[in-house]
N, C-alpha and C. Protein backbone atom coordinates (compact mmCIF):
# COMPACT_ATOMS: atom_id res chain seq x y z
N MET A 1 26.68 -11.09 -0.79
CA MET A 1 25.93 -10.30 -1.34
C MET A 1 25.03 -9.42 -0.14
N ASN A 2 25.36 -7.98 0.04
CA ASN A 2 25.24 -7.04 1.17
C ASN A 2 23.85 -7.56 1.50
N SER A 3 22.73 -6.62 2.18
CA SER A 3 21.57 -6.53 2.65
C SER A 3 20.81 -6.05 1.11
N SER A 4 21.41 -5.00 0.90
CA SER A 4 21.00 -3.75 0.24
C SER A 4 20.62 -4.44 -0.83
N LEU A 5 21.81 -4.89 -1.20
CA LEU A 5 21.36 -5.45 -2.64
C LEU A 5 20.50 -6.41 -3.10
N ALA A 6 20.62 -7.52 -2.03
CA ALA A 6 19.52 -8.38 -1.82
C ALA A 6 18.25 -7.84 -1.92
N PHE A 7 17.86 -6.88 -1.13
CA PHE A 7 16.73 -6.86 -1.01
C PHE A 7 16.16 -6.10 -2.60
N LYS A 8 17.16 -5.15 -3.50
CA LYS A 8 16.91 -4.86 -4.90
C LYS A 8 16.59 -5.85 -5.75
N VAL A 9 17.25 -6.90 -5.52
CA VAL A 9 17.18 -8.13 -6.43
C VAL A 9 15.95 -8.95 -6.00
N ALA A 10 15.30 -8.67 -4.82
CA ALA A 10 14.07 -9.78 -4.50
C ALA A 10 13.16 -8.50 -4.74
N VAL A 11 12.82 -7.53 -5.58
CA VAL A 11 11.89 -6.46 -5.05
C VAL A 11 11.15 -6.81 -6.33
N PRO A 12 11.71 -7.39 -7.28
CA PRO A 12 10.77 -7.72 -9.05
C PRO A 12 9.86 -8.48 -8.79
N THR A 13 10.03 -9.24 -7.63
CA THR A 13 9.10 -10.43 -7.36
C THR A 13 7.96 -10.12 -7.66
N VAL A 14 7.64 -8.83 -7.16
CA VAL A 14 6.08 -8.23 -6.81
C VAL A 14 5.35 -8.23 -7.87
N ALA A 15 4.05 -8.47 -7.39
CA ALA A 15 2.57 -8.92 -9.07
C ALA A 15 2.44 -7.57 -8.89
N VAL A 16 2.08 -6.80 -9.82
CA VAL A 16 1.58 -5.40 -9.73
C VAL A 16 0.58 -5.81 -11.54
N PRO A 17 -0.54 -5.53 -11.34
CA PRO A 17 -0.93 -5.73 -12.68
C PRO A 17 -0.80 -4.64 -13.96
N SER A 18 -0.76 -4.85 -14.81
CA SER A 18 0.14 -3.77 -15.97
C SER A 18 -0.95 -3.09 -16.55
N VAL A 19 -2.23 -3.19 -16.88
CA VAL A 19 -3.20 -2.30 -17.00
C VAL A 19 -3.46 -1.10 -15.94
N ALA A 20 -3.46 -1.30 -14.66
CA ALA A 20 -3.73 -0.37 -13.67
C ALA A 20 -2.18 0.39 -13.61
N GLY A 21 -1.20 -0.20 -13.88
CA GLY A 21 -0.03 0.78 -13.69
C GLY A 21 0.28 1.22 -14.95
N ALA A 22 -0.16 0.92 -16.14
CA ALA A 22 0.03 1.90 -17.59
C ALA A 22 -0.79 2.96 -17.42
N SER A 23 -1.97 3.01 -16.93
CA SER A 23 -2.74 4.11 -16.87
C SER A 23 -2.45 5.24 -15.90
N TYR A 24 -1.72 4.96 -14.87
CA TYR A 24 -1.42 5.13 -13.55
C TYR A 24 -0.46 6.24 -13.96
N LEU A 25 0.71 5.60 -14.72
CA LEU A 25 1.89 6.32 -15.14
C LEU A 25 1.48 7.13 -16.11
N ALA A 26 0.45 7.13 -16.80
CA ALA A 26 -0.15 7.84 -17.94
C ALA A 26 -0.19 9.20 -17.31
N PHE A 27 -0.06 9.65 -16.08
CA PHE A 27 -0.26 10.88 -15.53
C PHE A 27 0.61 11.82 -15.33
N PHE A 28 1.94 11.17 -15.39
CA PHE A 28 3.50 11.43 -15.37
C PHE A 28 4.27 11.66 -16.72
N LYS A 29 4.61 12.73 -16.93
CA LYS A 29 5.90 13.02 -18.21
C LYS A 29 6.87 11.95 -17.88
N GLN A 30 7.44 11.60 -19.34
CA GLN A 30 8.55 10.68 -19.40
C GLN A 30 9.60 10.69 -18.73
N ASP A 31 10.05 12.22 -18.06
CA ASP A 31 11.16 12.23 -17.62
C ASP A 31 10.86 11.91 -16.29
N GLU A 32 9.83 12.57 -15.50
CA GLU A 32 9.08 12.75 -14.24
C GLU A 32 9.43 11.19 -13.82
N ILE A 33 9.31 9.95 -14.43
CA ILE A 33 9.51 8.74 -14.04
C ILE A 33 10.44 8.59 -13.55
N LYS A 34 11.60 8.97 -13.82
CA LYS A 34 12.71 8.91 -13.41
C LYS A 34 13.21 9.17 -11.49
N ASP A 35 11.98 9.90 -11.27
CA ASP A 35 11.71 10.15 -10.05
C ASP A 35 11.78 8.74 -8.76
N SER A 36 11.62 8.96 -7.30
CA SER A 36 11.59 7.78 -6.72
C SER A 36 10.31 7.06 -6.65
N LEU A 37 9.83 6.44 -6.15
CA LEU A 37 8.33 6.31 -6.03
C LEU A 37 7.95 6.98 -5.06
N LYS A 38 8.56 7.21 -4.11
CA LYS A 38 7.95 8.25 -3.25
C LYS A 38 7.45 9.62 -3.38
N ALA A 39 8.43 10.35 -4.31
CA ALA A 39 8.21 11.45 -4.76
C ALA A 39 7.42 11.23 -6.14
N LEU A 40 6.80 10.65 -6.65
CA LEU A 40 6.12 10.33 -7.74
C LEU A 40 4.87 10.38 -6.88
N ILE A 41 4.33 10.04 -6.14
CA ILE A 41 3.05 10.08 -5.52
C ILE A 41 2.84 11.11 -4.83
N GLU A 42 4.02 12.31 -4.24
CA GLU A 42 3.64 13.44 -3.68
C GLU A 42 3.80 14.00 -5.11
N LYS A 43 4.22 14.00 -5.95
CA LYS A 43 4.18 14.93 -7.30
C LYS A 43 2.79 14.75 -7.77
N GLU A 44 2.00 13.53 -7.63
CA GLU A 44 0.75 13.39 -8.07
C GLU A 44 -0.55 14.66 -7.25
N GLY A 45 -0.07 14.29 -6.17
CA GLY A 45 -0.80 14.87 -4.56
C GLY A 45 -2.17 14.24 -4.61
N LYS A 46 -2.53 13.41 -5.19
CA LYS A 46 -3.89 13.00 -5.01
C LYS A 46 -4.02 11.89 -3.44
N ARG A 47 -2.73 11.93 -3.42
CA ARG A 47 -2.62 10.63 -2.11
C ARG A 47 -1.80 11.07 -1.12
N ILE A 48 -1.82 11.04 0.28
CA ILE A 48 -0.95 10.90 1.18
C ILE A 48 0.18 9.85 1.44
N VAL A 49 1.37 9.91 1.71
CA VAL A 49 2.54 9.52 1.78
C VAL A 49 2.20 8.94 3.08
N LEU A 50 2.62 7.46 3.82
CA LEU A 50 2.21 7.05 4.80
C LEU A 50 3.37 7.24 5.54
N GLU A 51 3.65 7.73 6.94
CA GLU A 51 4.88 8.03 7.57
C GLU A 51 5.26 6.43 7.95
N ASP A 52 6.73 5.83 7.60
CA ASP A 52 6.91 4.73 7.86
C ASP A 52 7.76 4.54 8.83
N TYR A 53 8.64 6.06 9.17
CA TYR A 53 9.47 5.99 10.39
C TYR A 53 8.52 6.77 12.24
N SER A 54 7.52 6.23 11.88
CA SER A 54 6.65 6.84 13.28
C SER A 54 5.57 6.25 13.49
N ASN A 55 4.33 6.57 14.39
CA ASN A 55 3.24 5.65 14.57
C ASN A 55 2.02 6.51 14.51
N SER A 56 2.43 7.54 13.63
CA SER A 56 1.10 8.13 13.44
C SER A 56 0.03 7.79 12.64
N HIS A 57 0.60 6.86 11.62
CA HIS A 57 -0.53 6.61 10.64
C HIS A 57 -0.49 4.92 11.44
N ASP A 58 -0.48 4.41 12.43
CA ASP A 58 -0.64 3.27 12.32
C ASP A 58 -1.75 2.67 12.25
N ASN A 59 -2.90 3.27 12.46
CA ASN A 59 -4.10 2.45 12.20
C ASN A 59 -4.59 2.67 10.93
N ILE A 60 -4.01 3.13 10.24
CA ILE A 60 -4.17 2.98 8.95
C ILE A 60 -3.22 1.99 8.34
N TRP A 61 -1.95 1.94 8.75
CA TRP A 61 -1.36 0.91 8.18
C TRP A 61 -1.85 -0.59 8.53
N ASP A 62 -2.20 -0.75 9.99
CA ASP A 62 -3.48 -2.05 9.97
C ASP A 62 -3.93 -2.38 8.91
N GLU A 63 -4.93 -1.05 8.94
CA GLU A 63 -6.00 -1.60 7.55
C GLU A 63 -5.29 -1.81 6.26
N ILE A 64 -4.30 -1.29 6.25
CA ILE A 64 -3.73 -1.73 5.26
C ILE A 64 -3.25 -3.31 4.77
N ALA A 65 -2.79 -3.67 6.15
CA ALA A 65 -2.28 -5.19 6.32
C ALA A 65 -3.34 -5.80 6.17
N LYS A 66 -4.63 -5.65 6.62
CA LYS A 66 -6.13 -6.62 6.34
C LYS A 66 -6.47 -6.39 4.90
N GLU A 67 -5.96 -5.24 4.65
CA GLU A 67 -6.97 -5.20 2.53
C GLU A 67 -5.64 -6.00 1.93
N TYR A 68 -3.99 -6.04 2.20
CA TYR A 68 -3.09 -6.92 1.00
C TYR A 68 -3.41 -8.51 1.42
N LYS A 69 -3.79 -9.26 2.56
CA LYS A 69 -4.23 -10.07 2.74
C LYS A 69 -4.87 -10.87 1.83
N THR A 70 -5.99 -9.84 1.08
CA THR A 70 -7.05 -10.58 0.56
C THR A 70 -7.06 -9.50 -1.01
N SER A 71 -5.90 -8.87 -1.33
CA SER A 71 -5.65 -8.16 -2.12
C SER A 71 -4.94 -9.06 -3.47
N SER A 72 -4.89 -8.84 -4.80
CA SER A 72 -3.94 -9.64 -5.82
C SER A 72 -2.26 -9.49 -5.41
N ILE A 73 -2.30 -8.43 -4.66
CA ILE A 73 -1.07 -7.94 -4.58
C ILE A 73 0.00 -9.02 -3.50
N THR A 74 1.26 -9.11 -4.24
CA THR A 74 2.26 -10.02 -3.24
C THR A 74 3.76 -9.17 -3.39
N VAL A 75 3.89 -9.20 -2.36
CA VAL A 75 5.64 -8.19 -2.34
C VAL A 75 6.24 -9.50 -1.17
N GLU A 76 8.06 -9.32 -1.64
CA GLU A 76 8.49 -9.63 -0.97
C GLU A 76 8.82 -9.28 0.72
N GLY A 77 8.68 -10.08 1.95
CA GLY A 77 8.97 -9.72 3.06
C GLY A 77 7.73 -9.75 3.60
N VAL A 78 6.16 -9.57 3.33
CA VAL A 78 5.22 -9.48 3.48
C VAL A 78 4.20 -10.46 3.81
N SER A 79 4.12 -11.11 4.49
CA SER A 79 3.05 -12.36 4.88
C SER A 79 1.93 -12.49 3.63
N LYS A 80 1.71 -13.14 2.85
CA LYS A 80 -0.11 -13.01 2.31
C LYS A 80 -0.67 -14.01 3.34
N THR A 81 -0.36 -14.50 4.38
CA THR A 81 -1.19 -15.53 5.16
C THR A 81 -1.90 -14.52 6.73
N ASN A 82 -0.17 -14.11 7.06
CA ASN A 82 -0.32 -13.41 8.36
C ASN A 82 0.27 -12.20 8.05
N PRO A 83 -0.05 -10.84 7.52
CA PRO A 83 0.59 -9.60 7.08
C PRO A 83 0.13 -8.63 8.36
N ASP A 84 1.03 -8.05 9.11
CA ASP A 84 1.22 -7.35 9.88
C ASP A 84 1.72 -5.58 9.46
N LYS A 85 1.07 -4.49 9.96
CA LYS A 85 1.76 -3.57 9.90
C LYS A 85 3.14 -3.03 9.53
N ALA A 86 4.05 -4.04 10.38
CA ALA A 86 5.52 -3.63 10.52
C ALA A 86 5.82 -4.54 9.33
N GLN A 87 5.65 -5.31 8.58
CA GLN A 87 6.11 -5.59 7.54
C GLN A 87 5.49 -4.93 6.28
N VAL A 88 4.61 -4.15 6.34
CA VAL A 88 4.31 -3.07 5.25
C VAL A 88 5.04 -2.43 5.24
N LYS A 89 5.12 -1.56 6.31
CA LYS A 89 5.96 -0.58 7.05
C LYS A 89 7.27 -0.68 6.20
N GLU A 90 8.06 -1.94 6.82
CA GLU A 90 9.37 -2.41 6.31
C GLU A 90 9.41 -2.19 4.80
N TYR A 91 8.37 -2.60 4.45
CA TYR A 91 8.65 -2.62 2.88
C TYR A 91 8.59 -1.24 2.20
N CYS A 92 7.71 -0.46 2.89
CA CYS A 92 7.42 1.04 2.01
C CYS A 92 8.80 1.69 2.46
N LYS A 93 9.20 1.37 3.42
CA LYS A 93 10.44 1.88 3.81
C LYS A 93 11.58 1.65 2.72
N ASN A 94 11.74 0.52 2.52
CA ASN A 94 12.89 -0.34 1.62
C ASN A 94 12.43 0.38 0.67
N THR A 95 11.45 0.70 -0.06
CA THR A 95 11.31 0.75 -1.72
C THR A 95 11.29 2.21 -1.82
N SER A 96 10.58 2.98 -1.18
CA SER A 96 10.18 4.66 -0.96
C SER A 96 11.45 5.19 -2.29
N SER A 97 12.76 4.88 -1.93
CA SER A 97 13.52 5.71 -2.69
C SER A 97 14.16 4.75 -4.12
N LEU A 98 13.43 4.01 -4.77
CA LEU A 98 13.92 3.07 -5.62
C LEU A 98 13.34 3.76 -6.78
N ILE A 99 13.76 3.66 -7.89
CA ILE A 99 13.33 4.51 -9.14
C ILE A 99 12.89 3.13 -10.47
N ASP A 100 11.49 2.51 -10.30
CA ASP A 100 11.16 1.14 -10.42
C ASP A 100 9.73 1.39 -11.35
N GLU A 101 9.64 1.82 -12.46
CA GLU A 101 8.10 2.07 -13.02
C GLU A 101 7.19 0.88 -12.66
N LYS A 102 7.47 -0.39 -12.57
CA LYS A 102 6.85 -1.30 -12.60
C LYS A 102 5.90 -1.72 -11.00
N LEU A 103 6.98 -1.20 -10.28
CA LEU A 103 6.18 -1.00 -8.73
C LEU A 103 5.99 0.21 -8.44
N LEU A 104 5.48 0.75 -8.96
CA LEU A 104 4.22 2.26 -8.46
C LEU A 104 3.37 1.89 -8.03
N ASP A 105 2.51 1.41 -8.62
CA ASP A 105 1.24 0.87 -8.68
C ASP A 105 1.20 0.23 -6.95
N THR A 106 2.04 -0.99 -6.89
CA THR A 106 2.25 -1.58 -5.87
C THR A 106 2.35 -0.30 -4.62
N TYR A 107 2.97 0.36 -4.84
CA TYR A 107 4.09 1.36 -3.81
C TYR A 107 2.82 2.11 -3.52
N ARG A 108 2.01 2.40 -4.53
CA ARG A 108 0.98 3.80 -4.56
C ARG A 108 -0.23 2.95 -3.24
N THR A 109 -0.33 1.81 -3.64
CA THR A 109 -1.47 0.77 -3.08
C THR A 109 -1.01 0.76 -1.41
N LEU A 110 0.11 0.22 -1.13
CA LEU A 110 0.39 -0.29 0.02
C LEU A 110 1.57 0.84 1.08
N CYS A 111 1.64 1.92 0.31
CA CYS A 111 2.63 2.77 1.34
C CYS A 111 1.82 4.28 1.30
N SER A 112 0.52 4.58 0.53
CA SER A 112 0.04 5.83 0.58
C SER A 112 -1.15 5.51 0.84
N ARG A 113 -2.09 6.53 1.16
CA ARG A 113 -3.81 6.66 1.01
C ARG A 113 -4.15 7.38 0.43
N GLY A 114 -5.55 7.34 0.01
CA GLY A 114 -6.25 8.52 -0.33
C GLY A 114 -6.92 9.65 0.90
N LYS A 115 -7.40 10.49 0.18
CA LYS A 115 -8.19 12.00 1.11
C LYS A 115 -9.36 11.40 1.78
N LEU A 116 -9.44 11.73 2.63
CA LEU A 116 -11.18 11.37 3.06
C LEU A 116 -12.09 12.16 2.24
N ILE A 117 -11.76 13.38 1.59
CA ILE A 117 -13.02 14.08 0.40
C ILE A 117 -12.93 12.87 -0.45
N ASP A 118 -11.79 12.32 -1.42
CA ASP A 118 -12.25 11.87 -2.33
C ASP A 118 -12.80 9.97 -2.27
N GLN A 119 -12.58 9.51 -1.40
CA GLN A 119 -13.30 8.53 -0.73
C GLN A 119 -14.60 8.62 -0.53
N ILE A 120 -14.94 9.60 0.40
CA ILE A 120 -16.37 10.11 0.57
C ILE A 120 -17.33 10.25 -0.69
N ASN A 121 -16.61 11.04 -1.75
CA ASN A 121 -17.05 11.38 -2.95
C ASN A 121 -17.13 10.78 -3.51
N GLU A 122 -16.53 9.53 -3.73
CA GLU A 122 -16.73 8.05 -4.38
C GLU A 122 -17.68 7.81 -3.93
N ASP A 123 -17.86 7.00 -2.93
CA ASP A 123 -18.84 6.26 -1.98
C ASP A 123 -20.34 7.15 -2.26
N LEU A 124 -20.37 8.08 -2.28
CA LEU A 124 -21.52 8.95 -2.07
C LEU A 124 -22.12 9.11 -3.64
N LYS A 125 -21.17 9.03 -4.56
CA LYS A 125 -21.59 9.26 -5.84
C LYS A 125 -22.81 8.99 -6.65
N SER A 126 -23.38 7.45 -6.12
CA SER A 126 -24.28 6.81 -6.53
C SER A 126 -25.91 7.77 -5.96
N GLU A 127 -25.58 8.70 -5.01
CA GLU A 127 -26.41 8.96 -4.10
C GLU A 127 -26.84 10.14 -4.57
N LYS A 128 -26.10 11.24 -5.69
CA LYS A 128 -26.12 11.86 -6.42
C LYS A 128 -25.51 13.51 -4.75
N LYS A 129 -24.59 12.77 -4.17
CA LYS A 129 -23.87 13.52 -3.38
C LYS A 129 -22.40 14.01 -3.09
N ALA A 130 -22.14 14.67 -2.81
CA ALA A 130 -20.32 14.88 -2.57
C ALA A 130 -19.95 15.73 -1.19
N TRP A 131 -18.89 16.46 -1.03
CA TRP A 131 -18.25 16.95 0.03
C TRP A 131 -18.45 18.72 -0.45
N LEU A 132 -19.17 18.91 0.79
CA LEU A 132 -19.46 20.40 0.58
C LEU A 132 -18.20 21.28 0.72
N THR A 133 -17.94 21.68 -0.51
CA THR A 133 -16.43 22.92 -0.47
C THR A 133 -16.56 24.42 -0.46
N SER A 134 -17.90 24.90 -0.51
CA SER A 134 -18.29 26.54 -0.65
C SER A 134 -17.58 26.98 0.46
N THR A 135 -17.45 28.03 0.65
CA THR A 135 -17.04 29.17 1.65
C THR A 135 -17.96 30.18 1.78
N ASN A 136 -19.19 30.09 1.05
CA ASN A 136 -20.35 30.99 1.18
C ASN A 136 -21.08 30.29 2.77
N LYS A 137 -21.09 31.16 3.66
CA LYS A 137 -21.76 30.65 4.71
C LYS A 137 -23.54 29.93 4.37
N ASP A 138 -24.04 31.01 3.31
CA ASP A 138 -25.51 30.55 2.88
C ASP A 138 -25.48 28.97 3.11
N ASP A 139 -24.81 28.42 2.11
CA ASP A 139 -24.51 27.49 1.45
C ASP A 139 -24.38 26.36 2.26
N TRP A 140 -24.16 26.54 3.92
CA TRP A 140 -23.81 25.52 5.02
C TRP A 140 -25.16 25.86 5.69
N THR A 141 -26.20 26.78 5.56
CA THR A 141 -26.94 27.29 6.74
C THR A 141 -27.80 25.38 6.57
N ALA A 142 -28.36 24.55 5.46
CA ALA A 142 -28.73 23.51 5.63
C ALA A 142 -28.34 22.58 6.66
N ASN A 143 -27.45 22.24 6.40
CA ASN A 143 -26.21 21.48 6.93
C ASN A 143 -25.89 22.01 9.02
N LYS A 144 -25.94 23.17 8.69
CA LYS A 144 -26.43 23.51 10.24
C LYS A 144 -27.58 23.49 11.04
N THR A 145 -28.38 23.44 10.34
CA THR A 145 -29.74 23.47 10.63
C THR A 145 -30.33 21.65 10.87
N ALA A 146 -29.42 20.89 10.26
CA ALA A 146 -29.99 19.51 10.52
C ALA A 146 -28.83 18.86 11.76
N TYR A 147 -27.96 19.82 11.68
CA TYR A 147 -26.66 19.60 12.49
C TYR A 147 -27.25 18.27 13.87
N GLY A 148 -26.89 17.37 14.28
CA GLY A 148 -27.49 16.96 15.45
C GLY A 148 -29.02 16.13 15.58
N ASP A 149 -29.64 16.50 14.31
CA ASP A 149 -30.99 15.48 14.58
C ASP A 149 -30.84 13.98 14.43
N GLY A 150 -32.13 13.58 14.64
CA GLY A 150 -32.04 12.10 14.29
C GLY A 150 -30.61 11.56 14.33
N ASN A 151 -30.07 10.85 13.62
CA ASN A 151 -29.41 9.92 13.27
C ASN A 151 -28.08 10.62 13.77
N GLY A 152 -28.21 11.60 13.90
CA GLY A 152 -26.66 12.77 13.79
C GLY A 152 -26.46 12.97 15.49
N SER A 153 -27.37 12.93 15.83
CA SER A 153 -27.15 13.03 17.60
C SER A 153 -25.72 12.59 18.15
N THR A 154 -25.12 11.41 17.20
CA THR A 154 -23.94 10.59 17.96
C THR A 154 -22.64 11.27 16.64
N LEU A 155 -23.00 11.57 15.85
CA LEU A 155 -21.98 12.14 14.81
C LEU A 155 -21.92 13.99 15.17
N LEU A 156 -21.24 14.20 15.85
CA LEU A 156 -21.22 15.46 16.31
C LEU A 156 -19.85 16.11 16.19
N ILE A 157 -19.12 17.26 15.22
CA ILE A 157 -17.92 17.44 15.35
C ILE A 157 -17.22 17.89 16.44
N PRO A 158 -15.61 17.61 16.70
CA PRO A 158 -15.01 17.84 18.05
C PRO A 158 -14.96 19.54 18.48
N GLN A 159 -14.66 20.07 19.58
CA GLN A 159 -14.26 20.76 19.96
C GLN A 159 -12.94 21.17 19.60
N THR A 160 -12.42 22.20 18.92
CA THR A 160 -10.78 22.36 18.70
C THR A 160 -10.12 22.06 19.68
N GLY A 161 -9.06 21.30 19.72
CA GLY A 161 -8.11 21.16 20.88
C GLY A 161 -8.95 20.89 22.23
N GLN A 162 -9.89 20.49 22.15
CA GLN A 162 -10.32 19.85 23.41
C GLN A 162 -10.83 18.43 23.68
N GLY A 163 -9.76 17.12 23.27
CA GLY A 163 -9.99 15.91 22.65
C GLY A 163 -11.26 15.52 22.47
N SER A 164 -11.95 14.96 23.20
CA SER A 164 -13.22 14.42 23.12
C SER A 164 -14.59 14.71 23.38
N THR A 165 -14.36 16.06 23.55
CA THR A 165 -15.52 16.91 23.45
C THR A 165 -16.12 17.81 22.41
N THR A 166 -17.20 17.31 21.93
CA THR A 166 -18.06 17.71 20.71
C THR A 166 -18.72 19.06 20.81
N ILE A 167 -18.80 19.71 20.13
CA ILE A 167 -19.91 20.68 19.41
C ILE A 167 -21.32 20.42 19.45
N SER A 168 -22.58 21.01 20.55
CA SER A 168 -23.65 20.57 20.74
C SER A 168 -23.96 21.69 19.69
N LYS A 169 -25.72 20.85 19.52
CA LYS A 169 -26.15 21.76 18.63
C LYS A 169 -26.95 23.15 18.68
N GLU A 170 -26.41 23.55 19.99
CA GLU A 170 -26.76 24.89 19.84
C GLU A 170 -25.58 25.69 20.28
N GLN A 171 -24.41 25.13 19.88
CA GLN A 171 -23.11 25.89 19.88
C GLN A 171 -22.74 25.87 18.34
N ILE A 172 -23.45 24.90 17.02
CA ILE A 172 -22.67 24.80 16.07
C ILE A 172 -23.15 26.09 15.43
N SER A 173 -22.20 26.54 14.19
CA SER A 173 -21.99 27.97 13.32
C SER A 173 -21.85 26.70 12.17
N GLU A 174 -21.97 27.83 11.02
CA GLU A 174 -21.80 27.38 9.81
C GLU A 174 -20.44 27.69 9.50
N GLU A 175 -19.82 28.73 9.97
CA GLU A 175 -18.17 29.01 10.11
C GLU A 175 -17.54 27.66 10.91
N LYS A 176 -18.22 27.11 11.64
CA LYS A 176 -17.52 25.87 12.88
C LYS A 176 -17.65 24.96 11.62
N LEU A 177 -18.73 24.54 11.11
CA LEU A 177 -18.67 23.26 10.36
C LEU A 177 -17.99 23.50 9.00
N MET A 178 -17.60 24.57 8.07
CA MET A 178 -16.54 24.89 7.32
C MET A 178 -15.47 24.59 7.72
N GLU A 179 -14.95 25.10 8.72
CA GLU A 179 -13.61 25.14 9.48
C GLU A 179 -13.12 23.75 9.25
N TRP A 180 -14.17 22.45 10.54
CA TRP A 180 -13.92 21.58 10.55
C TRP A 180 -13.89 20.57 9.22
N CYS A 181 -14.63 20.81 8.24
CA CYS A 181 -15.09 19.81 7.17
C CYS A 181 -13.50 20.23 6.30
N SER A 182 -13.55 21.60 6.38
CA SER A 182 -12.20 21.76 5.10
C SER A 182 -10.94 21.04 5.95
N SER A 183 -10.62 20.89 7.32
CA SER A 183 -9.39 20.39 7.87
C SER A 183 -9.73 19.01 7.69
N ALA A 184 -10.95 18.25 7.78
CA ALA A 184 -10.97 16.84 7.85
C ALA A 184 -10.78 16.23 6.54
N SER A 185 -11.21 17.41 5.39
CA SER A 185 -11.37 16.59 3.77
C SER A 185 -9.49 16.12 3.62
N PHE A 186 -8.69 17.08 4.09
CA PHE A 186 -7.32 16.19 3.55
C PHE A 186 -6.39 15.11 4.74
N ARG A 187 -7.40 14.93 5.75
CA ARG A 187 -6.88 13.33 5.91
C ARG A 187 -7.26 12.66 5.47
N PRO A 188 -6.26 11.78 5.78
CA PRO A 188 -6.39 10.30 5.00
C PRO A 188 -7.31 9.33 5.55
N PHE A 189 -7.72 8.88 4.69
CA PHE A 189 -8.88 7.69 4.82
C PHE A 189 -8.37 6.38 5.73
N VAL A 190 -9.20 6.12 6.67
CA VAL A 190 -8.70 4.61 7.35
C VAL A 190 -9.81 3.81 6.95
N ASN A 191 -11.00 4.04 7.39
CA ASN A 191 -12.16 3.06 7.24
C ASN A 191 -13.32 3.74 7.20
N LYS A 192 -14.15 2.59 6.89
CA LYS A 192 -15.79 3.46 6.74
C LYS A 192 -16.13 3.37 8.41
N THR A 193 -15.78 2.88 9.63
CA THR A 193 -16.44 3.25 10.66
C THR A 193 -15.75 4.03 11.38
N HIS A 194 -14.67 4.96 11.02
CA HIS A 194 -13.84 5.52 11.59
C HIS A 194 -14.50 6.94 12.17
N THR A 195 -14.50 7.39 12.92
CA THR A 195 -14.91 8.51 13.42
C THR A 195 -14.84 10.01 12.12
N ASP A 196 -13.88 10.04 11.65
CA ASP A 196 -13.44 11.13 10.72
C ASP A 196 -14.24 10.27 9.75
N TYR A 197 -15.24 9.51 9.32
CA TYR A 197 -15.70 9.28 7.90
C TYR A 197 -16.81 9.66 8.38
N THR A 198 -17.37 8.90 9.35
CA THR A 198 -18.96 8.95 9.82
C THR A 198 -19.10 10.22 10.01
N VAL A 199 -18.30 10.91 10.71
CA VAL A 199 -19.08 12.60 11.04
C VAL A 199 -18.81 13.29 9.86
N SER A 200 -17.63 13.14 9.33
CA SER A 200 -17.23 14.00 7.91
C SER A 200 -18.75 13.63 6.54
N LYS A 201 -18.70 12.35 6.60
CA LYS A 201 -20.09 11.68 5.64
C LYS A 201 -21.30 12.31 6.13
N HIS A 202 -21.89 12.72 6.97
CA HIS A 202 -22.53 13.08 7.67
C HIS A 202 -23.15 14.85 7.39
N ASN A 203 -21.71 15.32 8.31
CA ASN A 203 -22.29 16.87 8.55
C ASN A 203 -21.30 17.51 7.27
N CYS A 204 -20.75 17.20 6.36
CA CYS A 204 -19.87 17.87 5.22
C CYS A 204 -20.45 17.53 4.05
N THR A 205 -21.24 17.20 3.76
CA THR A 205 -21.91 16.35 2.06
C THR A 205 -23.29 17.38 2.27
N LYS A 206 -23.63 17.18 0.67
CA LYS A 206 -24.44 17.71 0.66
C LYS A 206 -25.27 17.40 -0.94
N SER A 207 -26.69 17.06 -1.00
CA SER A 207 -27.12 16.92 -3.00
C SER A 207 -26.66 17.38 -3.51
N ASN A 208 -25.93 17.17 -4.83
CA ASN A 208 -25.75 18.02 -5.90
C ASN A 208 -26.60 17.84 -6.86
N ALA A 209 -27.88 17.03 -6.85
CA ALA A 209 -28.45 16.74 -7.85
C ALA A 209 -29.56 17.89 -7.92
C-alpha cells in the first residue's frame, strides 16, 4: 500500500463532534460539499486558511498545537500528549485537498484561524463593545483623544513600514487609526496576549450601548 493510500485510510479515525459538523455544513449548498476541505473554508470566508508550506503562520500553528492538546479532537499523526506545529502542519497539508464532510470541522479547527475582528467582537460582546468599522472621521475622534492615555500608553499602533517604531499621542490622527485598524481587522487571531490583539482591543473598539 502506498503512503498516500495509507494516509487516506487512516484519516477517518478523526473524532469529530457530529452536532458541530452538521451546523457548519448547513452553510453550504449540497453541491458545494463536493469541494475540498480547503476550498470550503475559503468559500465561507470567515476564517483564514493557514499556510502549511512556509513559516509565516508558525506562531499561530504553535497556538493550535497547544489548544489541540486540551481539546476533544484526536487525529492520526498528531500526538495528543506532546503535539507540535510540524505535526499539525503536516496533517493540514495532507488533508487540505480531501473531499470528506466528516473531516470539515476538524480541518476548520486545526488548519484555519478566525480573524482578529471576529475574536475581539466575541470577547467584548458582554461589555457591549465592538470593533469600530466606520469610515466617518468624526466617529474616531473619541478614540484619537483617548489614544496613549492611562493603560494605553504602552498600546500604541506601529508606524507603517518602520518596524517597532510606534505612533506617539502627538502624531496620531483619526485617519491613522482608521487605516491601521482596518488593516489589522483581517489578520488571523494569535492569542489574547499578542500585540495585535491588545493594541486593537484598546484602540479599535467602541461602546455600542
